[in-house]
Amino acid sequence: MAQATVAQRTVAINLSDFSGIRSVVRMALPLSLLMLWHLLSLGWPRSPQFATPLGVVRAFFELWAKGHLQAGALISIERILAAFTLAGILGGSLGLLMGYWPALDGWLGPLVHTLRPIAPYAWIPLVILWLGIGDAAVISIVAYAAFFPMTVNAITGARNIDRNLIDTARVLGASPPTLFSRVFFPAALPSLLVGARLAMGSAWIAVVAAELASGSRATQSAMGGLGQMMYIFYAYSINLNYIVACIITVGVLALVSDRLLHALYRRLTPWARGT
C-alpha cells in the first residue's frame, strides 16, 4: 500500500509538472508575438501609421476613462444579444423541423444552402437602403450571419437522433410535447449548442463589419458600437492605437462569450464531451 501511495504521488507530481510546462508553452507564442511587435514599433517612433504596445495600453485606459470603450462595448453587446436570440429561435426551430421532416428539408434545403455561402457583408448596401443606418440594420445583418450556423447544426442534430428512441417513446405512450422535451430536444441539444458557439463567432465578425459600414453616420460626440468607434478613429484622427484597442476589446469579448457557451455546453450535455 505504501509503495502504491508513493507511486500515485509520483504520477501526480509528474502530471502537475507537465501541466506547468504546457502552460508555459501556451504563453510562449503570444509573448513572442508581443515582443516582436514591440521591437518592430521601435523602428516607427511616433508614426501615426503604426500602433505600439505601450500606445495601445495608453489608448485603452484613455478610452476607459472617458467612458467611450464601455459605451461602445455595451452597444455592440446589446446588438449581438438581440441578433443572436433572433437567429437562435428562428434558425434552431427551422433546423430541427428540417432535420425531422425530410419533405420540409427537400423544399427549403436548396434555398438555405444557396443563401448560406453569401457573406452577410454583401447585404449591407441593401439593408442600409431598406432600414437605414441604426440598430435595425446592424441587428439584421448580424442575425443573418448567425442564422445559418444555427440552422445547419440543428439540421445535423435532428438527423442524427436515433429513431428507435422516438419509436420507443411513442410505443410507451409519450405525448408529442413529452416526446419533444424528453427525447427529441435533449438528443439534438449538443449540436444546437455547437451551432450556438459557431453562430456567436459569426455574430462578432458581422457586428464589426456592419458597424464599420454605418460608422459614417456616427460623430465624435455620439459614438456607436465598437465598429463605429474604429471608423471614427480612422476617419477623424487616424489613431491606430485607439483602433487596435477596440480590436483587442472585440477579441476579448468574443472569447468570453465563446467560453461561456462552452461552459453551458459542458453543463447541459455531460454525455457529450467531444467538443
C-alpha atoms as a PDB file:
ATOM      1  CA  MET A   1       0.000   0.000   0.000  1.00  0.00           C
ATOM      2  CA  ALA A   2       2.817   2.386   0.910  1.00  0.00           C
ATOM      3  CA  GLN A   3       4.580   1.730  -2.371  1.00  0.00           C
ATOM      4  CA  ALA A   4       1.325   2.292  -4.261  1.00  0.00           C
ATOM      5  CA  THR A   5       0.775   5.590  -2.454  1.00  0.00           C
ATOM      6  CA  VAL A   6       4.295   6.755  -3.297  1.00  0.00           C
ATOM      7  CA  ALA A   7       3.763   5.789  -6.933  1.00  0.00           C
ATOM      8  CA  GLN A   8       0.466   7.677  -7.065  1.00  0.00           C
ATOM      9  CA  ARG A   9       2.123  10.776  -5.614  1.00  0.00           C
ATOM     10  CA  THR A  10       4.951  10.498  -8.130  1.00  0.00           C
ATOM     11  CA  VAL A  11       2.462  10.277 -11.008  1.00  0.00           C
ATOM     12  CA  ALA A  12       0.549  13.269  -9.626  1.00  0.00           C
ATOM     13  CA  ILE A  13       3.744  15.303  -9.360  1.00  0.00           C
ATOM     14  CA  ASN A  14       4.764  14.367 -12.889  1.00  0.00           C
ATOM     15  CA  LEU A  15       1.346  15.336 -14.237  1.00  0.00           C
ATOM     16  CA  SER A  16       1.466  18.672 -12.431  1.00  0.00           C
ATOM     17  CA  ASP A  17       4.933  19.334 -13.861  1.00  0.00           C
ATOM     18  CA  PHE A  18       3.621  18.539 -17.335  1.00  0.00           C
ATOM     19  CA  SER A  19       0.681  20.880 -16.790  1.00  0.00           C
ATOM     20  CA  GLY A  20       3.061  23.681 -15.829  1.00  0.00           C
ATOM     21  CA  ILE A  21       5.178  23.120 -18.923  1.00  0.00           C
ATOM     22  CA  ARG A  22       2.069  23.132 -21.076  1.00  0.00           C
ATOM     23  CA  SER A  23       1.016  26.478 -19.583  1.00  0.00           C
ATOM     24  CA  VAL A  24       4.444  27.940 -20.365  1.00  0.00           C
ATOM     25  CA  VAL A  25       4.231  26.684 -23.950  1.00  0.00           C
ATOM     26  CA  ARG A  26       0.783  28.241 -24.337  1.00  0.00           C
ATOM     27  CA  MET A  27       2.103  31.618 -23.188  1.00  0.00           C
ATOM     28  CA  ALA A  28       5.263  31.448 -25.294  1.00  0.00           C
ATOM     29  CA  LEU A  29       3.613  32.279 -28.637  1.00  0.00           C
ATOM     30  CA  PRO A  30       1.578  35.340 -27.549  1.00  0.00           C
ATOM     31  CA  LEU A  31       4.530  36.686 -25.538  1.00  0.00           C
ATOM     32  CA  SER A  32       6.847  36.190 -28.511  1.00  0.00           C
ATOM     33  CA  LEU A  33       4.426  37.999 -30.806  1.00  0.00           C
ATOM     34  CA  LEU A  34       4.106  40.835 -28.286  1.00  0.00           C
ATOM     35  CA  MET A  35       7.894  41.136 -28.079  1.00  0.00           C
ATOM     36  CA  LEU A  36       8.183  41.116 -31.882  1.00  0.00           C
ATOM     37  CA  TRP A  37       5.506  43.816 -32.090  1.00  0.00           C
ATOM     38  CA  HIS A  38       7.437  45.937 -29.576  1.00  0.00           C
ATOM     39  CA  LEU A  39      10.692  45.522 -31.485  1.00  0.00           C
ATOM     40  CA  LEU A  40       9.031  46.491 -34.767  1.00  0.00           C
ATOM     41  CA  SER A  41       7.465  49.532 -33.137  1.00  0.00           C
ATOM     42  CA  LEU A  42      10.939  50.829 -32.277  1.00  0.00           C
ATOM     43  CA  GLY A  43      11.540  51.359 -35.982  1.00  0.00           C
ATOM     44  CA  TRP A  44       8.478  53.626 -36.362  1.00  0.00           C
ATOM     45  CA  PRO A  45       8.667  56.030 -33.411  1.00  0.00           C
ATOM     46  CA  ARG A  46       5.693  58.381 -33.149  1.00  0.00           C
ATOM     47  CA  SER A  47       4.354  57.236 -36.513  1.00  0.00           C
ATOM     48  CA  PRO A  48       0.573  57.515 -36.897  1.00  0.00           C
ATOM     49  CA  GLN A  49       0.717  54.578 -39.308  1.00  0.00           C
ATOM     50  CA  PHE A  50       1.931  52.095 -36.691  1.00  0.00           C
ATOM     51  CA  ALA A  51       0.405  51.141 -33.366  1.00  0.00           C
ATOM     52  CA  THR A  52       2.720  50.344 -30.478  1.00  0.00           C
ATOM     53  CA  PRO A  53       2.066  48.082 -27.460  1.00  0.00           C
ATOM     54  CA  LEU A  54       2.522  50.903 -24.982  1.00  0.00           C
ATOM     55  CA  GLY A  55       0.424  53.197 -27.153  1.00  0.00           C
ATOM     56  CA  VAL A  56      -2.401  50.668 -27.248  1.00  0.00           C
ATOM     57  CA  VAL A  57      -2.310  50.249 -23.461  1.00  0.00           C
ATOM     58  CA  ARG A  58      -2.405  54.022 -23.066  1.00  0.00           C
ATOM     59  CA  ALA A  59      -5.267  54.285 -25.567  1.00  0.00           C
ATOM     60  CA  PHE A  60      -7.224  51.596 -23.717  1.00  0.00           C
ATOM     61  CA  PHE A  61      -7.024  53.467 -20.419  1.00  0.00           C
ATOM     62  CA  GLU A  62      -7.850  56.789 -22.086  1.00  0.00           C
ATOM     63  CA  LEU A  63     -10.954  55.339 -23.740  1.00  0.00           C
ATOM     64  CA  TRP A  64     -11.928  53.670 -20.481  1.00  0.00           C
ATOM     65  CA  ALA A  65     -11.512  56.881 -18.501  1.00  0.00           C
ATOM     66  CA  LYS A  66     -13.713  58.769 -20.972  1.00  0.00           C
ATOM     67  CA  GLY A  67     -16.337  56.013 -20.871  1.00  0.00           C
ATOM     68  CA  HIS A  68     -16.222  55.533 -24.636  1.00  0.00           C
ATOM     69  CA  LEU A  69     -14.982  51.948 -24.501  1.00  0.00           C
ATOM     70  CA  GLN A  70     -17.676  50.801 -22.069  1.00  0.00           C
ATOM     71  CA  ALA A  71     -20.412  52.586 -24.003  1.00  0.00           C
ATOM     72  CA  GLY A  72     -19.298  51.190 -27.365  1.00  0.00           C
ATOM     73  CA  ALA A  73     -18.889  47.674 -25.993  1.00  0.00           C
ATOM     74  CA  LEU A  74     -22.342  47.810 -24.388  1.00  0.00           C
ATOM     75  CA  ILE A  75     -23.979  48.874 -27.652  1.00  0.00           C
ATOM     76  CA  SER A  76     -22.240  46.089 -29.583  1.00  0.00           C
ATOM     77  CA  ILE A  77     -23.139  43.509 -26.919  1.00  0.00           C
ATOM     78  CA  GLU A  78     -26.805  44.565 -26.966  1.00  0.00           C
ATOM     79  CA  ARG A  79     -26.897  44.214 -30.740  1.00  0.00           C
ATOM     80  CA  ILE A  80     -25.162  40.832 -30.551  1.00  0.00           C
ATOM     81  CA  LEU A  81     -27.611  39.512 -27.951  1.00  0.00           C
ATOM     82  CA  ALA A  82     -30.662  40.691 -29.889  1.00  0.00           C
ATOM     83  CA  ALA A  83     -29.424  39.206 -33.169  1.00  0.00           C
ATOM     84  CA  PHE A  84     -28.177  36.005 -31.518  1.00  0.00           C
ATOM     85  CA  THR A  85     -31.536  35.442 -29.816  1.00  0.00           C
ATOM     86  CA  LEU A  86     -33.417  36.041 -33.065  1.00  0.00           C
ATOM     87  CA  ALA A  87     -31.129  33.732 -35.041  1.00  0.00           C
ATOM     88  CA  GLY A  88     -31.278  31.079 -32.314  1.00  0.00           C
ATOM     89  CA  ILE A  89     -35.057  30.976 -32.225  1.00  0.00           C
ATOM     90  CA  LEU A  90     -35.591  31.064 -35.982  1.00  0.00           C
ATOM     91  CA  GLY A  91     -32.566  29.045 -37.058  1.00  0.00           C
ATOM     92  CA  GLY A  92     -32.814  26.451 -34.302  1.00  0.00           C
ATOM     93  CA  SER A  93     -36.529  25.878 -34.815  1.00  0.00           C
ATOM     94  CA  LEU A  94     -36.286  25.735 -38.609  1.00  0.00           C
ATOM     95  CA  GLY A  95     -33.275  23.435 -38.486  1.00  0.00           C
ATOM     96  CA  LEU A  96     -34.965  20.965 -36.131  1.00  0.00           C
ATOM     97  CA  LEU A  97     -38.050  20.861 -38.336  1.00  0.00           C
ATOM     98  CA  MET A  98     -35.993  20.400 -41.494  1.00  0.00           C
ATOM     99  CA  GLY A  99     -33.960  17.637 -39.878  1.00  0.00           C
ATOM    100  CA  TYR A 100     -37.042  15.817 -38.643  1.00  0.00           C
ATOM    101  CA  TRP A 101     -39.177  16.101 -41.769  1.00  0.00           C
ATOM    102  CA  PRO A 102     -37.277  15.238 -44.989  1.00  0.00           C
ATOM    103  CA  ALA A 103     -40.072  16.739 -47.097  1.00  0.00           C
ATOM    104  CA  LEU A 104     -39.563  20.146 -45.491  1.00  0.00           C
ATOM    105  CA  ASP A 105     -35.813  19.810 -45.941  1.00  0.00           C
ATOM    106  CA  GLY A 106     -36.325  18.998 -49.608  1.00  0.00           C
ATOM    107  CA  TRP A 107     -38.439  22.115 -50.001  1.00  0.00           C
ATOM    108  CA  LEU A 108     -36.378  24.633 -48.018  1.00  0.00           C
ATOM    109  CA  GLY A 109     -32.939  22.987 -48.189  1.00  0.00           C
ATOM    110  CA  PRO A 110     -31.950  24.375 -51.615  1.00  0.00           C
ATOM    111  CA  LEU A 111     -32.870  27.905 -50.533  1.00  0.00           C
ATOM    112  CA  VAL A 112     -30.958  27.646 -47.241  1.00  0.00           C
ATOM    113  CA  HIS A 113     -27.843  26.191 -48.861  1.00  0.00           C
ATOM    114  CA  THR A 114     -27.953  28.771 -51.647  1.00  0.00           C
ATOM    115  CA  LEU A 115     -28.086  31.729 -49.270  1.00  0.00           C
ATOM    116  CA  ARG A 116     -25.620  30.287 -46.755  1.00  0.00           C
ATOM    117  CA  PRO A 117     -22.420  30.909 -48.807  1.00  0.00           C
ATOM    118  CA  ILE A 118     -23.382  34.546 -49.428  1.00  0.00           C
ATOM    119  CA  ALA A 119     -21.421  36.664 -46.972  1.00  0.00           C
ATOM    120  CA  PRO A 120     -23.554  38.901 -44.745  1.00  0.00           C
ATOM    121  CA  TYR A 121     -21.444  41.870 -45.822  1.00  0.00           C
ATOM    122  CA  ALA A 122     -22.852  41.539 -49.344  1.00  0.00           C
ATOM    123  CA  TRP A 123     -26.269  42.520 -47.978  1.00  0.00           C
ATOM    124  CA  ILE A 124     -25.039  45.651 -46.199  1.00  0.00           C
ATOM    125  CA  PRO A 125     -25.841  48.115 -49.051  1.00  0.00           C
ATOM    126  CA  LEU A 126     -29.365  46.715 -49.445  1.00  0.00           C
ATOM    127  CA  VAL A 127     -30.029  46.630 -45.707  1.00  0.00           C
ATOM    128  CA  ILE A 128     -28.853  50.219 -45.310  1.00  0.00           C
ATOM    129  CA  LEU A 129     -31.099  51.235 -48.219  1.00  0.00           C
ATOM    130  CA  TRP A 130     -34.124  49.456 -46.711  1.00  0.00           C
ATOM    131  CA  LEU A 131     -33.616  50.013 -42.982  1.00  0.00           C
ATOM    132  CA  GLY A 132     -31.289  52.997 -42.844  1.00  0.00           C
ATOM    133  CA  ILE A 133     -28.282  53.072 -40.538  1.00  0.00           C
ATOM    134  CA  GLY A 134     -29.042  52.101 -36.969  1.00  0.00           C
ATOM    135  CA  ASP A 135     -29.815  49.216 -34.671  1.00  0.00           C
ATOM    136  CA  ALA A 136     -32.326  47.576 -37.021  1.00  0.00           C
ATOM    137  CA  ALA A 137     -29.828  47.396 -39.882  1.00  0.00           C
ATOM    138  CA  VAL A 138     -26.954  46.114 -37.728  1.00  0.00           C
ATOM    139  CA  ILE A 139     -29.106  43.536 -35.939  1.00  0.00           C
ATOM    140  CA  SER A 140     -30.480  42.269 -39.259  1.00  0.00           C
ATOM    141  CA  ILE A 141     -27.006  41.733 -40.698  1.00  0.00           C
ATOM    142  CA  VAL A 142     -25.716  40.057 -37.527  1.00  0.00           C
ATOM    143  CA  ALA A 143     -28.808  37.834 -37.282  1.00  0.00           C
ATOM    144  CA  TYR A 144     -28.299  36.776 -40.893  1.00  0.00           C
ATOM    145  CA  ALA A 145     -24.686  35.827 -40.134  1.00  0.00           C
ATOM    146  CA  ALA A 146     -25.684  33.817 -37.036  1.00  0.00           C
ATOM    147  CA  PHE A 147     -28.745  32.202 -38.606  1.00  0.00           C
ATOM    148  CA  PHE A 148     -27.018  29.674 -40.853  1.00  0.00           C
ATOM    149  CA  PRO A 149     -24.629  28.073 -38.318  1.00  0.00           C
ATOM    150  CA  MET A 150     -27.609  27.575 -36.016  1.00  0.00           C
ATOM    151  CA  THR A 151     -29.780  26.155 -38.793  1.00  0.00           C
ATOM    152  CA  VAL A 152     -27.205  23.762 -40.260  1.00  0.00           C
ATOM    153  CA  ASN A 153     -26.197  22.375 -36.856  1.00  0.00           C
ATOM    154  CA  ALA A 154     -29.834  21.985 -35.840  1.00  0.00           C
ATOM    155  CA  ILE A 155     -30.478  20.002 -39.027  1.00  0.00           C
ATOM    156  CA  THR A 156     -27.493  17.783 -38.252  1.00  0.00           C
ATOM    157  CA  GLY A 157     -28.599  17.270 -34.668  1.00  0.00           C
ATOM    158  CA  ALA A 158     -32.122  16.294 -35.691  1.00  0.00           C
ATOM    159  CA  ARG A 159     -30.907  13.895 -38.386  1.00  0.00           C
ATOM    160  CA  ASN A 160     -28.507  12.143 -36.000  1.00  0.00           C
ATOM    161  CA  ILE A 161     -31.198  11.285 -33.440  1.00  0.00           C
ATOM    162  CA  ASP A 162     -31.692   7.553 -33.028  1.00  0.00           C
ATOM    163  CA  ARG A 163     -35.189   6.959 -34.408  1.00  0.00           C
ATOM    164  CA  ASN A 164     -35.506   3.895 -32.204  1.00  0.00           C
ATOM    165  CA  LEU A 165     -35.623   6.221 -29.196  1.00  0.00           C
ATOM    166  CA  ILE A 166     -38.503   8.152 -30.737  1.00  0.00           C
ATOM    167  CA  ASP A 167     -40.370   4.998 -31.731  1.00  0.00           C
ATOM    168  CA  THR A 168     -39.885   3.514 -28.256  1.00  0.00           C
ATOM    169  CA  ALA A 169     -41.196   6.657 -26.600  1.00  0.00           C
ATOM    170  CA  ARG A 170     -44.255   6.591 -28.841  1.00  0.00           C
ATOM    171  CA  VAL A 171     -44.921   2.928 -28.048  1.00  0.00           C
ATOM    172  CA  LEU A 172     -44.734   3.756 -24.344  1.00  0.00           C
ATOM    173  CA  GLY A 173     -47.427   6.388 -24.858  1.00  0.00           C
ATOM    174  CA  ALA A 174     -45.401   9.596 -24.794  1.00  0.00           C
ATOM    175  CA  SER A 175     -47.408  12.608 -25.936  1.00  0.00           C
ATOM    176  CA  PRO A 176     -45.926  14.913 -28.604  1.00  0.00           C
ATOM    177  CA  PRO A 177     -44.888  17.570 -26.020  1.00  0.00           C
ATOM    178  CA  THR A 178     -43.276  14.892 -23.830  1.00  0.00           C
ATOM    179  CA  LEU A 179     -41.607  13.324 -26.855  1.00  0.00           C
ATOM    180  CA  PHE A 180     -40.099  16.664 -27.808  1.00  0.00           C
ATOM    181  CA  SER A 181     -38.980  17.719 -24.315  1.00  0.00           C
ATOM    182  CA  ARG A 182     -37.711  14.329 -23.079  1.00  0.00           C
ATOM    183  CA  VAL A 183     -36.304  12.699 -26.217  1.00  0.00           C
ATOM    184  CA  PHE A 184     -36.028  14.889 -29.299  1.00  0.00           C
ATOM    185  CA  PHE A 185     -34.677  18.123 -27.830  1.00  0.00           C
ATOM    186  CA  PRO A 186     -32.097  16.560 -25.419  1.00  0.00           C
ATOM    187  CA  ALA A 187     -30.754  14.364 -28.231  1.00  0.00           C
ATOM    188  CA  ALA A 188     -30.309  17.369 -30.550  1.00  0.00           C
ATOM    189  CA  LEU A 189     -29.031  19.729 -27.816  1.00  0.00           C
ATOM    190  CA  PRO A 190     -25.276  19.058 -28.297  1.00  0.00           C
ATOM    191  CA  SER A 191     -25.475  20.011 -31.972  1.00  0.00           C
ATOM    192  CA  LEU A 192     -27.596  23.053 -31.120  1.00  0.00           C
ATOM    193  CA  LEU A 193     -25.010  24.307 -28.630  1.00  0.00           C
ATOM    194  CA  VAL A 194     -22.161  23.732 -31.074  1.00  0.00           C
ATOM    195  CA  GLY A 195     -24.160  25.740 -33.587  1.00  0.00           C
ATOM    196  CA  ALA A 196     -24.621  28.443 -30.962  1.00  0.00           C
ATOM    197  CA  ARG A 197     -20.851  28.749 -30.496  1.00  0.00           C
ATOM    198  CA  LEU A 198     -20.287  28.991 -34.245  1.00  0.00           C
ATOM    199  CA  ALA A 199     -23.139  31.487 -34.543  1.00  0.00           C
ATOM    200  CA  MET A 200     -21.699  33.664 -31.784  1.00  0.00           C
ATOM    201  CA  GLY A 201     -18.334  33.804 -33.551  1.00  0.00           C
ATOM    202  CA  SER A 202     -20.022  34.745 -36.824  1.00  0.00           C
ATOM    203  CA  ALA A 203     -22.072  37.364 -34.996  1.00  0.00           C
ATOM    204  CA  TRP A 204     -18.998  39.129 -33.603  1.00  0.00           C
ATOM    205  CA  ILE A 205     -17.400  39.196 -37.044  1.00  0.00           C
ATOM    206  CA  ALA A 206     -20.547  40.577 -38.641  1.00  0.00           C
ATOM    207  CA  VAL A 207     -21.261  43.216 -35.999  1.00  0.00           C
ATOM    208  CA  VAL A 208     -17.879  44.870 -36.540  1.00  0.00           C
ATOM    209  CA  ALA A 209     -18.386  44.930 -40.318  1.00  0.00           C
ATOM    210  CA  ALA A 210     -21.932  46.275 -40.005  1.00  0.00           C
ATOM    211  CA  GLU A 211     -20.903  48.966 -37.529  1.00  0.00           C
ATOM    212  CA  LEU A 212     -17.952  49.974 -39.682  1.00  0.00           C
ATOM    213  CA  ALA A 213     -20.332  50.396 -42.616  1.00  0.00           C
ATOM    214  CA  SER A 214     -22.630  52.588 -40.521  1.00  0.00           C
ATOM    215  CA  GLY A 215     -19.755  54.498 -38.948  1.00  0.00           C
ATOM    216  CA  SER A 216     -20.086  57.389 -41.381  1.00  0.00           C
ATOM    217  CA  ARG A 217     -23.271  58.425 -39.563  1.00  0.00           C
ATOM    218  CA  ALA A 218     -21.579  58.480 -36.146  1.00  0.00           C
ATOM    219  CA  THR A 219     -19.781  61.518 -34.769  1.00  0.00           C
ATOM    220  CA  GLN A 220     -17.085  62.025 -32.185  1.00  0.00           C
ATOM    221  CA  SER A 221     -19.717  63.289 -29.743  1.00  0.00           C
ATOM    222  CA  ALA A 222     -22.155  60.410 -30.362  1.00  0.00           C
ATOM    223  CA  MET A 223     -20.279  57.184 -30.886  1.00  0.00           C
ATOM    224  CA  GLY A 224     -21.975  53.910 -31.695  1.00  0.00           C
ATOM    225  CA  GLY A 225     -20.632  50.401 -31.181  1.00  0.00           C
ATOM    226  CA  LEU A 226     -17.035  49.269 -31.296  1.00  0.00           C
ATOM    227  CA  GLY A 227     -17.032  49.062 -35.100  1.00  0.00           C
ATOM    228  CA  GLN A 228     -18.308  52.630 -35.395  1.00  0.00           C
ATOM    229  CA  MET A 229     -15.628  53.755 -32.945  1.00  0.00           C
ATOM    230  CA  MET A 230     -12.978  52.200 -35.185  1.00  0.00           C
ATOM    231  CA  TYR A 231     -14.343  54.126 -38.163  1.00  0.00           C
ATOM    232  CA  ILE A 232     -14.298  57.389 -36.222  1.00  0.00           C
ATOM    233  CA  PHE A 233     -10.716  56.902 -35.049  1.00  0.00           C
ATOM    234  CA  TYR A 234      -9.713  56.250 -38.648  1.00  0.00           C
ATOM    235  CA  ALA A 235     -11.749  58.993 -40.363  1.00  0.00           C
ATOM    236  CA  TYR A 236     -11.189  61.815 -37.884  1.00  0.00           C
ATOM    237  CA  SER A 237      -7.778  61.256 -36.353  1.00  0.00           C
ATOM    238  CA  ILE A 238      -6.111  58.153 -37.912  1.00  0.00           C
ATOM    239  CA  ASN A 239      -5.291  56.974 -34.403  1.00  0.00           C
ATOM    240  CA  LEU A 240      -4.225  53.374 -34.861  1.00  0.00           C
ATOM    241  CA  ASN A 241      -3.605  52.880 -31.145  1.00  0.00           C
ATOM    242  CA  TYR A 242      -7.287  53.570 -30.451  1.00  0.00           C
ATOM    243  CA  ILE A 243      -8.321  51.287 -33.317  1.00  0.00           C
ATOM    244  CA  VAL A 244      -6.173  48.392 -32.074  1.00  0.00           C
ATOM    245  CA  ALA A 245      -7.514  48.915 -28.546  1.00  0.00           C
ATOM    246  CA  CYS A 246     -11.040  48.449 -29.951  1.00  0.00           C
ATOM    247  CA  ILE A 247      -9.952  45.390 -31.945  1.00  0.00           C
ATOM    248  CA  ILE A 248      -8.481  43.767 -28.835  1.00  0.00           C
ATOM    249  CA  THR A 249     -11.670  44.566 -26.922  1.00  0.00           C
ATOM    250  CA  VAL A 250     -13.732  42.800 -29.595  1.00  0.00           C
ATOM    251  CA  GLY A 251     -11.426  39.785 -29.407  1.00  0.00           C
ATOM    252  CA  VAL A 252     -11.668  39.581 -25.621  1.00  0.00           C
ATOM    253  CA  LEU A 253     -15.455  39.904 -25.620  1.00  0.00           C
ATOM    254  CA  ALA A 254     -15.761  37.253 -28.329  1.00  0.00           C
ATOM    255  CA  LEU A 255     -13.505  34.912 -26.347  1.00  0.00           C
ATOM    256  CA  VAL A 256     -15.517  35.447 -23.159  1.00  0.00           C
ATOM    257  CA  SER A 257     -18.799  34.738 -24.945  1.00  0.00           C
ATOM    258  CA  ASP A 258     -17.343  31.583 -26.512  1.00  0.00           C
ATOM    259  CA  ARG A 259     -16.079  30.353 -23.108  1.00  0.00           C
ATOM    260  CA  LEU A 260     -19.497  30.978 -21.578  1.00  0.00           C
ATOM    261  CA  LEU A 261     -21.213  28.963 -24.282  1.00  0.00           C
ATOM    262  CA  HIS A 262     -18.625  26.213 -23.923  1.00  0.00           C
ATOM    263  CA  ALA A 263     -19.265  26.098 -20.171  1.00  0.00           C
ATOM    264  CA  LEU A 264     -23.002  25.930 -20.895  1.00  0.00           C
ATOM    265  CA  TYR A 265     -22.346  23.049 -23.304  1.00  0.00           C
ATOM    266  CA  ARG A 266     -20.431  21.084 -20.678  1.00  0.00           C
ATOM    267  CA  ARG A 267     -23.073  21.848 -18.064  1.00  0.00           C
ATOM    268  CA  LEU A 268     -26.125  20.863 -20.118  1.00  0.00           C
ATOM    269  CA  THR A 269     -24.662  17.960 -22.095  1.00  0.00           C
ATOM    270  CA  PRO A 270     -22.422  15.934 -19.758  1.00  0.00           C
ATOM    271  CA  TRP A 271     -22.854  12.895 -22.005  1.00  0.00           C
ATOM    272  CA  ALA A 272     -21.227  14.655 -24.994  1.00  0.00           C
ATOM    273  CA  ARG A 273     -17.646  15.661 -24.202  1.00  0.00           C
ATOM    274  CA  GLY A 274     -16.127  15.541 -27.621  1.00  0.00           C
ATOM    275  CA  THR A 275     -16.331  19.284 -28.434  1.00  0.00           C
END
